[in-house]
């Protein structure tokens, strides 16, 4: 294997290793919980999932706000080609709709969305 390839992919490899370690530690923690403490652990994890949904929502908002800057950076780094640049900058509304749909379906979830809508009435 070429050393330049490893250096170029080292950030992604490191991220994969860190996420794998976090997953293993979380599973280890879950397996050690006694059965009578499972409801309390479930409440703690639900609170954590809510924080994760907030973080993803803020990240999606930052992406939409700085869309032009992100595309310009992609153009400078040759990730976005010259003929794609204008179309991608114009696609900001579509990106915002896709990110909103993602947030509603996955991290927020349909149950929380329906609970929020029902609380308005």
Foldseek 3Di string as FASTA:
>chain_A
DDPVVCVVCVVVVVVVVVVVVVVVVVVVVVVPDDPVCVVVVVVVVVVVLVVVLVVLVVVLVVCLVCVLVVLVVCPVVVVADPVCSVVSVVCSVVSSVVSVVCSDPPSCHVVNVVVVVVVVD
